[in-house]
Amino acid sequence: MFTGIVRELGRVVSTDGGPDGVRLELEAPQAAAAAGLGDSVAVNGCCLTVVARDGARLAFDAVPETLRRTTLGTLRAGDAVNVEPALRAGDALGGHFVQGHVDGVGRVQSVEAEGAGLRVFVEAPPEILRYCVEKGSITVEGVSLTVAELAGDAFAVALIPHTLAGTTLSELAPGRELNLEVDVLAKYAERLLGGSRPA
């Protein structure tokens, strides 16, 4: 379980492998200091298991299922990534309940200056948009955000300077693909009310 509050900007050291699986190695000193083998760490919103640790570096294995459903396969050495260790008992829940199970991939439609921050419109598939409500929560690249607006096949989020300074969202540009996770509470509500999620 995560909160969508990014604790550290990590850096990709290497990505070895191909479509059958990738060994992802990151430099993330804070996460590495606290994580042990088998621990869960969210990387750009995707829950991964630590398979090796060496000083400030952590390694993870991304299997084909993960590569199909996320943007992790596009990472290259030198890329910055959002890193959040799993929530521990007693930790503050500053964002919202995040599982690290990416529901789909969206694409940046536009990035507009808005005061000291940015308003970003993200195109998303229908199976994502059905769970988006204005002022509801959504996770974008592992960052807990509030849906500011719904517009056709897209939703907008408003990014404050603090978020821009501490995450990779400052690098957003039209066309960039993003990992998205909808609020799990919306899925449970739908299920309890007798709805069904499309396959």
N, C-alpha and C. Protein backbone atom coordinates (compact mmCIF):
# COMPACT_ATOMS: atom_id res chain seq x y z
N MET A 1 0.85 -1.19 0.00
CA MET A 1 0.00 0.00 0.00
C MET A 1 0.88 1.24 0.00
N PHE A 2 0.47 2.25 -0.77
CA PHE A 2 1.21 3.51 -0.89
C PHE A 2 0.23 4.66 -0.69
N THR A 3 0.76 5.88 -0.71
CA THR A 3 -0.10 7.05 -0.54
C THR A 3 -0.05 8.00 -1.74
N GLY A 4 0.88 7.78 -2.65
CA GLY A 4 1.03 8.70 -3.77
C GLY A 4 1.80 9.95 -3.40
N ILE A 5 2.48 9.92 -2.25
CA ILE A 5 3.35 11.03 -1.86
C ILE A 5 4.78 10.60 -2.15
N VAL A 6 5.35 11.12 -3.22
CA VAL A 6 6.68 10.72 -3.66
C VAL A 6 7.71 11.15 -2.62
N ARG A 7 8.55 10.22 -2.21
CA ARG A 7 9.56 10.48 -1.18
C ARG A 7 10.92 10.83 -1.75
N GLU A 8 11.13 10.47 -3.02
CA GLU A 8 12.47 10.65 -3.57
C GLU A 8 12.42 10.59 -5.09
N LEU A 9 13.28 11.38 -5.73
CA LEU A 9 13.51 11.25 -7.16
C LEU A 9 14.70 10.32 -7.35
N GLY A 10 14.43 9.15 -7.91
CA GLY A 10 15.50 8.21 -8.19
C GLY A 10 16.03 8.42 -9.59
N ARG A 11 17.09 7.70 -9.91
CA ARG A 11 17.70 7.80 -11.23
C ARG A 11 17.96 6.40 -11.77
N VAL A 12 17.55 6.14 -13.01
CA VAL A 12 17.76 4.82 -13.62
C VAL A 12 19.25 4.65 -13.91
N VAL A 13 19.80 3.55 -13.40
CA VAL A 13 21.21 3.22 -13.67
C VAL A 13 21.31 2.33 -14.89
N SER A 14 20.43 1.32 -14.98
CA SER A 14 20.46 0.41 -16.13
C SER A 14 19.12 -0.28 -16.29
N THR A 15 18.86 -0.72 -17.51
CA THR A 15 17.68 -1.53 -17.83
C THR A 15 18.16 -2.66 -18.73
N ASP A 16 18.35 -3.81 -18.17
CA ASP A 16 18.86 -4.96 -18.92
C ASP A 16 17.73 -5.94 -19.21
N GLY A 17 17.64 -6.36 -20.48
CA GLY A 17 16.63 -7.33 -20.86
C GLY A 17 15.86 -6.87 -22.07
N GLY A 18 14.66 -7.43 -22.24
CA GLY A 18 13.84 -7.12 -23.40
C GLY A 18 12.39 -7.41 -23.09
N PRO A 19 11.60 -7.78 -24.13
CA PRO A 19 10.17 -8.01 -23.93
C PRO A 19 9.86 -9.16 -22.98
N ASP A 20 10.81 -10.06 -22.77
CA ASP A 20 10.58 -11.19 -21.86
C ASP A 20 10.85 -10.84 -20.41
N GLY A 21 11.29 -9.62 -20.16
CA GLY A 21 11.55 -9.18 -18.80
C GLY A 21 12.74 -8.25 -18.74
N VAL A 22 12.70 -7.34 -17.78
CA VAL A 22 13.75 -6.33 -17.63
C VAL A 22 14.22 -6.29 -16.18
N ARG A 23 15.53 -6.24 -15.99
CA ARG A 23 16.10 -5.97 -14.66
C ARG A 23 16.36 -4.46 -14.62
N LEU A 24 15.62 -3.79 -13.75
CA LEU A 24 15.69 -2.34 -13.61
C LEU A 24 16.52 -2.00 -12.38
N GLU A 25 17.60 -1.25 -12.57
CA GLU A 25 18.44 -0.84 -11.45
C GLU A 25 18.35 0.67 -11.27
N LEU A 26 18.06 1.09 -10.05
CA LEU A 26 17.90 2.51 -9.74
C LEU A 26 18.89 2.94 -8.70
N GLU A 27 19.27 4.22 -8.76
CA GLU A 27 19.97 4.84 -7.66
C GLU A 27 18.94 5.65 -6.89
N ALA A 28 18.67 5.25 -5.66
CA ALA A 28 17.65 5.90 -4.83
C ALA A 28 18.11 5.77 -3.38
N PRO A 29 19.00 6.64 -2.93
CA PRO A 29 19.65 6.48 -1.62
C PRO A 29 18.69 6.35 -0.44
N GLN A 30 17.64 7.17 -0.41
CA GLN A 30 16.72 7.11 0.74
C GLN A 30 15.97 5.78 0.78
N ALA A 31 15.46 5.36 -0.36
CA ALA A 31 14.73 4.10 -0.42
C ALA A 31 15.66 2.93 -0.13
N ALA A 32 16.87 2.98 -0.66
CA ALA A 32 17.82 1.89 -0.47
C ALA A 32 18.23 1.76 0.99
N ALA A 33 18.28 2.88 1.71
CA ALA A 33 18.68 2.85 3.12
C ALA A 33 17.64 2.13 3.98
N ALA A 34 16.40 2.15 3.55
CA ALA A 34 15.32 1.57 4.36
C ALA A 34 14.80 0.25 3.83
N ALA A 35 15.03 -0.05 2.56
CA ALA A 35 14.43 -1.23 1.93
C ALA A 35 15.30 -2.46 2.11
N GLY A 36 14.64 -3.60 2.24
CA GLY A 36 15.32 -4.88 2.27
C GLY A 36 14.85 -5.74 1.12
N LEU A 37 15.51 -6.87 0.91
CA LEU A 37 15.10 -7.78 -0.14
C LEU A 37 13.65 -8.20 0.09
N GLY A 38 12.85 -8.18 -0.97
CA GLY A 38 11.45 -8.56 -0.88
C GLY A 38 10.51 -7.43 -0.55
N ASP A 39 11.06 -6.26 -0.19
CA ASP A 39 10.19 -5.12 0.12
C ASP A 39 9.58 -4.55 -1.15
N SER A 40 8.46 -3.88 -0.98
CA SER A 40 7.78 -3.24 -2.11
C SER A 40 8.15 -1.77 -2.18
N VAL A 41 8.40 -1.31 -3.40
CA VAL A 41 8.70 0.09 -3.67
C VAL A 41 7.94 0.49 -4.93
N ALA A 42 7.27 1.64 -4.89
CA ALA A 42 6.58 2.12 -6.09
C ALA A 42 7.54 2.94 -6.93
N VAL A 43 7.65 2.59 -8.20
CA VAL A 43 8.51 3.29 -9.16
C VAL A 43 7.61 3.83 -10.26
N ASN A 44 7.48 5.13 -10.34
CA ASN A 44 6.54 5.77 -11.28
C ASN A 44 5.14 5.17 -11.13
N GLY A 45 4.79 4.86 -9.87
CA GLY A 45 3.44 4.37 -9.60
C GLY A 45 3.24 2.89 -9.73
N CYS A 46 4.29 2.14 -10.08
CA CYS A 46 4.18 0.70 -10.25
C CYS A 46 4.86 0.00 -9.07
N CYS A 47 4.12 -0.83 -8.37
CA CYS A 47 4.66 -1.57 -7.23
C CYS A 47 5.61 -2.65 -7.72
N LEU A 48 6.87 -2.55 -7.28
CA LEU A 48 7.90 -3.52 -7.66
C LEU A 48 8.53 -4.09 -6.39
N THR A 49 9.12 -5.28 -6.54
CA THR A 49 9.75 -5.96 -5.41
C THR A 49 11.26 -5.83 -5.51
N VAL A 50 11.89 -5.44 -4.41
CA VAL A 50 13.34 -5.32 -4.37
C VAL A 50 13.96 -6.71 -4.48
N VAL A 51 14.79 -6.92 -5.52
CA VAL A 51 15.44 -8.23 -5.70
C VAL A 51 16.94 -8.16 -5.41
N ALA A 52 17.49 -6.94 -5.32
CA ALA A 52 18.90 -6.78 -4.98
C ALA A 52 19.12 -5.37 -4.46
N ARG A 53 20.09 -5.23 -3.55
CA ARG A 53 20.43 -3.92 -3.00
C ARG A 53 21.94 -3.83 -2.88
N ASP A 54 22.48 -2.70 -3.33
CA ASP A 54 23.92 -2.48 -3.26
C ASP A 54 24.17 -1.01 -2.97
N GLY A 55 24.42 -0.69 -1.71
CA GLY A 55 24.63 0.70 -1.34
C GLY A 55 23.39 1.53 -1.59
N ALA A 56 23.50 2.53 -2.44
CA ALA A 56 22.38 3.42 -2.74
C ALA A 56 21.54 2.91 -3.90
N ARG A 57 21.82 1.70 -4.37
CA ARG A 57 21.13 1.17 -5.54
C ARG A 57 20.18 0.04 -5.18
N LEU A 58 19.06 0.02 -5.90
CA LEU A 58 18.07 -1.05 -5.77
C LEU A 58 17.80 -1.64 -7.14
N ALA A 59 17.55 -2.95 -7.18
CA ALA A 59 17.22 -3.61 -8.44
C ALA A 59 15.86 -4.28 -8.33
N PHE A 60 15.14 -4.28 -9.46
CA PHE A 60 13.80 -4.85 -9.54
C PHE A 60 13.68 -5.63 -10.85
N ASP A 61 12.83 -6.65 -10.86
CA ASP A 61 12.54 -7.37 -12.09
C ASP A 61 11.14 -6.99 -12.57
N ALA A 62 11.04 -6.55 -13.81
CA ALA A 62 9.75 -6.24 -14.43
C ALA A 62 9.45 -7.33 -15.46
N VAL A 63 8.40 -8.11 -15.21
CA VAL A 63 8.03 -9.22 -16.08
C VAL A 63 7.16 -8.71 -17.24
N PRO A 64 6.93 -9.56 -18.26
CA PRO A 64 6.16 -9.10 -19.43
C PRO A 64 4.81 -8.47 -19.08
N GLU A 65 4.09 -9.03 -18.09
CA GLU A 65 2.80 -8.45 -17.69
C GLU A 65 2.96 -7.00 -17.26
N THR A 66 3.98 -6.73 -16.47
CA THR A 66 4.25 -5.36 -16.02
C THR A 66 4.61 -4.46 -17.19
N LEU A 67 5.44 -4.96 -18.08
CA LEU A 67 5.88 -4.16 -19.23
C LEU A 67 4.71 -3.83 -20.15
N ARG A 68 3.75 -4.76 -20.29
CA ARG A 68 2.58 -4.52 -21.15
C ARG A 68 1.67 -3.45 -20.58
N ARG A 69 1.55 -3.39 -19.27
CA ARG A 69 0.54 -2.54 -18.63
C ARG A 69 1.07 -1.19 -18.15
N THR A 70 2.37 -0.96 -18.25
CA THR A 70 2.97 0.27 -17.72
C THR A 70 3.94 0.87 -18.73
N THR A 71 4.54 1.97 -18.33
CA THR A 71 5.55 2.62 -19.18
C THR A 71 6.97 2.23 -18.77
N LEU A 72 7.13 1.28 -17.86
CA LEU A 72 8.46 0.95 -17.36
C LEU A 72 9.40 0.48 -18.46
N GLY A 73 8.86 -0.15 -19.50
CA GLY A 73 9.70 -0.62 -20.60
C GLY A 73 10.34 0.49 -21.42
N THR A 74 9.87 1.71 -21.24
CA THR A 74 10.44 2.84 -22.00
C THR A 74 11.56 3.54 -21.24
N LEU A 75 11.80 3.15 -19.98
CA LEU A 75 12.84 3.81 -19.19
C LEU A 75 14.23 3.51 -19.74
N ARG A 76 15.09 4.50 -19.63
CA ARG A 76 16.47 4.37 -20.08
C ARG A 76 17.41 4.90 -19.01
N ALA A 77 18.66 4.48 -19.06
CA ALA A 77 19.65 4.94 -18.09
C ALA A 77 19.68 6.46 -18.07
N GLY A 78 19.68 7.02 -16.87
CA GLY A 78 19.70 8.48 -16.70
C GLY A 78 18.34 9.09 -16.46
N ASP A 79 17.26 8.35 -16.76
CA ASP A 79 15.92 8.88 -16.54
C ASP A 79 15.64 9.04 -15.05
N ALA A 80 14.92 10.10 -14.70
CA ALA A 80 14.46 10.30 -13.33
C ALA A 80 13.16 9.53 -13.14
N VAL A 81 12.95 9.00 -11.93
CA VAL A 81 11.72 8.27 -11.62
C VAL A 81 11.22 8.67 -10.24
N ASN A 82 9.91 8.61 -10.08
CA ASN A 82 9.29 8.87 -8.78
C ASN A 82 9.37 7.61 -7.93
N VAL A 83 9.86 7.76 -6.69
CA VAL A 83 10.06 6.61 -5.81
C VAL A 83 9.30 6.82 -4.51
N GLU A 84 8.54 5.79 -4.11
CA GLU A 84 7.86 5.81 -2.82
C GLU A 84 7.93 4.43 -2.18
N PRO A 85 8.56 4.31 -1.00
CA PRO A 85 8.53 3.03 -0.28
C PRO A 85 7.11 2.73 0.18
N ALA A 86 6.85 1.45 0.46
CA ALA A 86 5.53 1.05 0.93
C ALA A 86 5.22 1.70 2.27
N LEU A 87 3.94 1.98 2.48
CA LEU A 87 3.47 2.58 3.73
C LEU A 87 3.72 1.63 4.89
N ARG A 88 4.21 2.17 5.99
CA ARG A 88 4.43 1.37 7.20
C ARG A 88 3.42 1.78 8.26
N ALA A 89 3.12 0.87 9.16
CA ALA A 89 2.17 1.16 10.23
C ALA A 89 2.60 2.41 10.99
N GLY A 90 1.67 3.34 11.15
CA GLY A 90 1.97 4.58 11.86
C GLY A 90 2.36 5.72 10.96
N ASP A 91 2.66 5.44 9.67
CA ASP A 91 3.01 6.52 8.74
C ASP A 91 1.78 7.38 8.45
N ALA A 92 2.02 8.65 8.18
CA ALA A 92 0.92 9.55 7.82
C ALA A 92 0.39 9.20 6.43
N LEU A 93 -0.92 9.23 6.29
CA LEU A 93 -1.55 8.98 4.99
C LEU A 93 -1.86 10.34 4.37
N GLY A 94 -0.86 10.89 3.67
CA GLY A 94 -0.99 12.26 3.18
C GLY A 94 -1.68 12.39 1.84
N GLY A 95 -1.72 11.31 1.06
CA GLY A 95 -2.35 11.38 -0.25
C GLY A 95 -3.68 10.65 -0.23
N HIS A 96 -3.74 9.49 -0.92
CA HIS A 96 -4.92 8.63 -0.84
C HIS A 96 -4.44 7.18 -0.95
N PHE A 97 -5.35 6.22 -0.81
CA PHE A 97 -4.96 4.82 -0.87
C PHE A 97 -4.53 4.47 -2.29
N VAL A 98 -3.26 4.07 -2.42
CA VAL A 98 -2.69 3.73 -3.72
C VAL A 98 -2.12 2.32 -3.62
N GLN A 99 -2.46 1.46 -4.57
CA GLN A 99 -2.00 0.07 -4.53
C GLN A 99 -0.69 -0.15 -5.29
N GLY A 100 -0.40 0.74 -6.22
CA GLY A 100 0.76 0.49 -7.08
C GLY A 100 0.44 -0.47 -8.21
N HIS A 101 -0.86 -0.68 -8.46
CA HIS A 101 -1.33 -1.54 -9.55
C HIS A 101 -1.82 -0.62 -10.66
N VAL A 102 -1.00 -0.40 -11.65
CA VAL A 102 -1.32 0.53 -12.73
C VAL A 102 -2.53 0.02 -13.51
N ASP A 103 -3.55 0.87 -13.66
CA ASP A 103 -4.77 0.50 -14.36
C ASP A 103 -4.68 0.72 -15.86
N GLY A 104 -3.84 1.63 -16.27
CA GLY A 104 -3.72 1.92 -17.70
C GLY A 104 -2.71 3.01 -17.93
N VAL A 105 -2.47 3.27 -19.21
CA VAL A 105 -1.50 4.28 -19.62
C VAL A 105 -2.24 5.42 -20.31
N GLY A 106 -1.97 6.64 -19.87
CA GLY A 106 -2.54 7.83 -20.50
C GLY A 106 -1.46 8.56 -21.28
N ARG A 107 -1.88 9.63 -21.93
CA ARG A 107 -0.95 10.42 -22.74
C ARG A 107 -1.21 11.90 -22.49
N VAL A 108 -0.15 12.66 -22.28
CA VAL A 108 -0.29 14.10 -22.06
C VAL A 108 -0.85 14.75 -23.31
N GLN A 109 -1.97 15.45 -23.13
CA GLN A 109 -2.61 16.16 -24.23
C GLN A 109 -2.09 17.59 -24.34
N SER A 110 -1.98 18.26 -23.18
CA SER A 110 -1.47 19.63 -23.19
C SER A 110 -0.94 19.99 -21.82
N VAL A 111 -0.04 20.96 -21.80
CA VAL A 111 0.54 21.48 -20.56
C VAL A 111 0.44 23.00 -20.63
N GLU A 112 -0.29 23.59 -19.67
CA GLU A 112 -0.52 25.03 -19.69
C GLU A 112 -0.07 25.66 -18.38
N ALA A 113 0.61 26.79 -18.48
CA ALA A 113 0.98 27.53 -17.27
C ALA A 113 -0.29 28.04 -16.61
N GLU A 114 -0.33 27.93 -15.28
CA GLU A 114 -1.49 28.40 -14.52
C GLU A 114 -0.98 28.96 -13.20
N GLY A 115 -0.87 30.28 -13.13
CA GLY A 115 -0.28 30.90 -11.95
C GLY A 115 1.16 30.44 -11.80
N ALA A 116 1.52 29.98 -10.60
CA ALA A 116 2.87 29.48 -10.36
C ALA A 116 3.00 28.00 -10.70
N GLY A 117 1.90 27.38 -11.12
CA GLY A 117 1.91 25.95 -11.41
C GLY A 117 1.57 25.65 -12.85
N LEU A 118 1.09 24.42 -13.06
CA LEU A 118 0.72 23.97 -14.40
C LEU A 118 -0.63 23.28 -14.36
N ARG A 119 -1.39 23.40 -15.44
CA ARG A 119 -2.59 22.59 -15.63
C ARG A 119 -2.27 21.63 -16.77
N VAL A 120 -2.40 20.35 -16.48
CA VAL A 120 -2.05 19.31 -17.45
C VAL A 120 -3.29 18.50 -17.79
N PHE A 121 -3.58 18.38 -19.09
CA PHE A 121 -4.67 17.53 -19.56
C PHE A 121 -4.07 16.21 -20.02
N VAL A 122 -4.67 15.11 -19.54
CA VAL A 122 -4.18 13.77 -19.84
C VAL A 122 -5.27 12.98 -20.55
N GLU A 123 -5.00 12.53 -21.77
CA GLU A 123 -5.93 11.64 -22.47
C GLU A 123 -5.87 10.28 -21.79
N ALA A 124 -7.02 9.69 -21.57
CA ALA A 124 -7.07 8.40 -20.89
C ALA A 124 -8.14 7.52 -21.54
N PRO A 125 -7.95 6.20 -21.48
CA PRO A 125 -8.95 5.29 -22.05
C PRO A 125 -10.24 5.31 -21.23
N PRO A 126 -11.35 4.88 -21.84
CA PRO A 126 -12.65 4.90 -21.14
C PRO A 126 -12.64 4.16 -19.82
N GLU A 127 -11.88 3.05 -19.73
CA GLU A 127 -11.87 2.27 -18.49
C GLU A 127 -11.19 3.01 -17.35
N ILE A 128 -10.46 4.07 -17.66
CA ILE A 128 -9.89 4.95 -16.63
C ILE A 128 -10.86 6.09 -16.34
N LEU A 129 -11.36 6.72 -17.39
CA LEU A 129 -12.21 7.91 -17.23
C LEU A 129 -13.50 7.61 -16.48
N ARG A 130 -13.99 6.38 -16.55
CA ARG A 130 -15.25 6.05 -15.86
C ARG A 130 -15.13 6.21 -14.35
N TYR A 131 -13.90 6.16 -13.84
CA TYR A 131 -13.68 6.30 -12.40
C TYR A 131 -13.21 7.70 -12.00
N CYS A 132 -13.11 8.59 -12.97
CA CYS A 132 -12.65 9.95 -12.68
C CYS A 132 -13.84 10.85 -12.40
N VAL A 133 -13.78 11.56 -11.28
CA VAL A 133 -14.79 12.55 -10.95
C VAL A 133 -14.07 13.83 -10.53
N GLU A 134 -14.70 14.96 -10.83
CA GLU A 134 -14.09 16.23 -10.45
C GLU A 134 -13.90 16.28 -8.94
N LYS A 135 -12.70 16.66 -8.54
CA LYS A 135 -12.24 16.72 -7.14
C LYS A 135 -11.99 15.34 -6.53
N GLY A 136 -12.05 14.28 -7.36
CA GLY A 136 -11.68 12.95 -6.90
C GLY A 136 -10.18 12.75 -7.03
N SER A 137 -9.70 11.61 -6.57
CA SER A 137 -8.26 11.32 -6.58
C SER A 137 -7.88 10.43 -7.76
N ILE A 138 -6.67 10.65 -8.25
CA ILE A 138 -6.08 9.79 -9.28
C ILE A 138 -4.57 9.80 -9.07
N THR A 139 -3.93 8.69 -9.41
CA THR A 139 -2.48 8.60 -9.30
C THR A 139 -1.87 8.69 -10.69
N VAL A 140 -0.98 9.64 -10.88
CA VAL A 140 -0.30 9.86 -12.17
C VAL A 140 1.20 9.70 -11.94
N GLU A 141 1.80 8.68 -12.55
CA GLU A 141 3.23 8.40 -12.38
C GLU A 141 3.59 8.25 -10.90
N GLY A 142 2.65 7.71 -10.12
CA GLY A 142 2.91 7.49 -8.71
C GLY A 142 2.61 8.66 -7.82
N VAL A 143 2.08 9.75 -8.38
CA VAL A 143 1.80 10.97 -7.61
C VAL A 143 0.30 11.08 -7.37
N SER A 144 -0.09 11.22 -6.12
CA SER A 144 -1.49 11.42 -5.76
C SER A 144 -1.92 12.83 -6.16
N LEU A 145 -2.92 12.90 -7.04
CA LEU A 145 -3.39 14.19 -7.55
C LEU A 145 -4.91 14.25 -7.49
N THR A 146 -5.43 15.47 -7.60
CA THR A 146 -6.87 15.71 -7.61
C THR A 146 -7.31 16.03 -9.03
N VAL A 147 -8.37 15.38 -9.48
CA VAL A 147 -8.93 15.68 -10.80
C VAL A 147 -9.54 17.07 -10.75
N ALA A 148 -9.01 17.98 -11.56
CA ALA A 148 -9.48 19.36 -11.56
C ALA A 148 -10.60 19.59 -12.57
N GLU A 149 -10.65 18.75 -13.60
CA GLU A 149 -11.61 18.99 -14.68
C GLU A 149 -11.71 17.73 -15.53
N LEU A 150 -12.90 17.48 -16.08
CA LEU A 150 -13.10 16.41 -17.05
C LEU A 150 -13.46 17.06 -18.37
N ALA A 151 -12.83 16.58 -19.45
CA ALA A 151 -13.06 17.20 -20.76
C ALA A 151 -12.99 16.13 -21.84
N GLY A 152 -14.15 15.58 -22.22
CA GLY A 152 -14.19 14.59 -23.29
C GLY A 152 -13.41 13.35 -22.94
N ASP A 153 -12.33 13.09 -23.69
CA ASP A 153 -11.53 11.89 -23.47
C ASP A 153 -10.33 12.16 -22.59
N ALA A 154 -10.39 13.22 -21.79
CA ALA A 154 -9.24 13.61 -20.97
C ALA A 154 -9.70 14.13 -19.61
N PHE A 155 -8.75 14.15 -18.68
CA PHE A 155 -8.96 14.80 -17.39
C PHE A 155 -7.80 15.76 -17.17
N ALA A 156 -8.03 16.75 -16.31
CA ALA A 156 -6.98 17.72 -16.02
C ALA A 156 -6.58 17.63 -14.56
N VAL A 157 -5.32 17.89 -14.30
CA VAL A 157 -4.81 18.02 -12.94
C VAL A 157 -4.06 19.34 -12.84
N ALA A 158 -4.10 19.94 -11.66
CA ALA A 158 -3.39 21.20 -11.42
C ALA A 158 -2.18 20.89 -10.56
N LEU A 159 -1.00 21.22 -11.05
CA LEU A 159 0.24 20.89 -10.37
C LEU A 159 0.81 22.13 -9.68
N ILE A 160 1.03 22.02 -8.37
CA ILE A 160 1.58 23.14 -7.61
C ILE A 160 3.10 23.09 -7.67
N PRO A 161 3.78 24.21 -7.37
CA PRO A 161 5.24 24.24 -7.44
C PRO A 161 5.92 23.16 -6.63
N HIS A 162 5.39 22.83 -5.45
CA HIS A 162 6.01 21.80 -4.61
C HIS A 162 6.03 20.45 -5.33
N THR A 163 4.93 20.11 -5.98
CA THR A 163 4.85 18.85 -6.74
C THR A 163 5.81 18.88 -7.91
N LEU A 164 5.89 19.99 -8.59
CA LEU A 164 6.80 20.10 -9.74
C LEU A 164 8.25 19.96 -9.31
N ALA A 165 8.58 20.49 -8.13
CA ALA A 165 9.97 20.45 -7.67
C ALA A 165 10.39 19.06 -7.18
N GLY A 166 9.43 18.27 -6.71
CA GLY A 166 9.79 17.01 -6.08
C GLY A 166 9.45 15.75 -6.85
N THR A 167 8.96 15.91 -8.10
CA THR A 167 8.57 14.75 -8.91
C THR A 167 9.01 14.94 -10.35
N THR A 168 8.80 13.91 -11.14
CA THR A 168 9.13 13.99 -12.57
C THR A 168 8.07 14.74 -13.37
N LEU A 169 6.98 15.16 -12.73
CA LEU A 169 5.90 15.82 -13.47
C LEU A 169 6.33 17.18 -14.01
N SER A 170 7.43 17.71 -13.53
CA SER A 170 7.95 18.97 -14.09
C SER A 170 8.44 18.78 -15.53
N GLU A 171 8.66 17.53 -15.94
CA GLU A 171 9.21 17.24 -17.27
C GLU A 171 8.12 16.93 -18.30
N LEU A 172 6.85 17.05 -17.92
CA LEU A 172 5.78 16.64 -18.81
C LEU A 172 5.71 17.51 -20.07
N ALA A 173 5.43 16.83 -21.17
CA ALA A 173 5.25 17.50 -22.46
C ALA A 173 4.21 16.72 -23.25
N PRO A 174 3.51 17.38 -24.19
CA PRO A 174 2.49 16.67 -24.98
C PRO A 174 3.05 15.41 -25.63
N GLY A 175 2.27 14.34 -25.55
CA GLY A 175 2.66 13.08 -26.15
C GLY A 175 3.28 12.10 -25.18
N ARG A 176 3.73 12.56 -24.03
CA ARG A 176 4.37 11.66 -23.08
C ARG A 176 3.35 10.71 -22.48
N GLU A 177 3.72 9.44 -22.37
CA GLU A 177 2.84 8.44 -21.77
C GLU A 177 3.07 8.38 -20.27
N LEU A 178 1.95 8.12 -19.54
CA LEU A 178 1.98 8.16 -18.08
C LEU A 178 1.25 6.96 -17.48
N ASN A 179 1.79 6.43 -16.39
CA ASN A 179 1.10 5.39 -15.64
C ASN A 179 -0.04 6.01 -14.84
N LEU A 180 -1.23 5.38 -14.92
CA LEU A 180 -2.41 5.89 -14.22
C LEU A 180 -3.01 4.80 -13.34
N GLU A 181 -3.40 5.18 -12.13
CA GLU A 181 -4.14 4.28 -11.25
C GLU A 181 -5.32 5.05 -10.67
N VAL A 182 -6.51 4.53 -10.88
CA VAL A 182 -7.70 5.19 -10.37
C VAL A 182 -7.86 4.88 -8.88
N ASP A 183 -8.73 5.62 -8.23
CA ASP A 183 -8.98 5.44 -6.81
C ASP A 183 -9.65 4.08 -6.59
N VAL A 184 -8.99 3.21 -5.83
CA VAL A 184 -9.51 1.86 -5.61
C VAL A 184 -10.87 1.90 -4.92
N LEU A 185 -11.16 2.93 -4.14
CA LEU A 185 -12.46 3.02 -3.46
C LEU A 185 -13.59 3.13 -4.48
N ALA A 186 -13.32 3.77 -5.62
CA ALA A 186 -14.34 3.88 -6.66
C ALA A 186 -14.65 2.52 -7.26
N LYS A 187 -13.63 1.68 -7.40
CA LYS A 187 -13.85 0.33 -7.94
C LYS A 187 -14.69 -0.51 -6.98
N TYR A 188 -14.38 -0.42 -5.69
CA TYR A 188 -15.14 -1.19 -4.71
C TYR A 188 -16.59 -0.71 -4.65
N ALA A 189 -16.79 0.61 -4.74
CA ALA A 189 -18.15 1.15 -4.72
C ALA A 189 -18.95 0.63 -5.90
N GLU A 190 -18.32 0.62 -7.09
CA GLU A 190 -19.00 0.11 -8.27
C GLU A 190 -19.39 -1.36 -8.10
N ARG A 191 -18.45 -2.14 -7.59
CA ARG A 191 -18.70 -3.56 -7.41
C ARG A 191 -19.84 -3.81 -6.42
N LEU A 192 -19.84 -3.08 -5.31
CA LEU A 192 -20.86 -3.26 -4.29
C LEU A 192 -22.25 -2.83 -4.79
N LEU A 193 -22.26 -1.87 -5.71
CA LEU A 193 -23.54 -1.39 -6.25
C LEU A 193 -24.02 -2.23 -7.42
N GLY A 194 -23.26 -3.28 -7.76
CA GLY A 194 -23.70 -4.23 -8.78
C GLY A 194 -23.22 -3.92 -10.16
N GLY A 195 -22.32 -2.94 -10.30
CA GLY A 195 -21.77 -2.64 -11.62
C GLY A 195 -20.71 -3.66 -11.97
N SER A 196 -20.29 -3.62 -13.22
CA SER A 196 -19.22 -4.52 -13.67
C SER A 196 -18.21 -3.71 -14.44
N ARG A 197 -16.97 -4.06 -14.23
CA ARG A 197 -15.88 -3.37 -14.91
C ARG A 197 -15.65 -4.04 -16.26
N PRO A 198 -15.45 -3.25 -17.33
CA PRO A 198 -15.25 -3.85 -18.64
C PRO A 198 -13.95 -4.64 -18.68
N ALA A 199 -13.95 -5.72 -19.46
CA ALA A 199 -12.75 -6.56 -19.57
C ALA A 199 -11.69 -5.86 -20.41
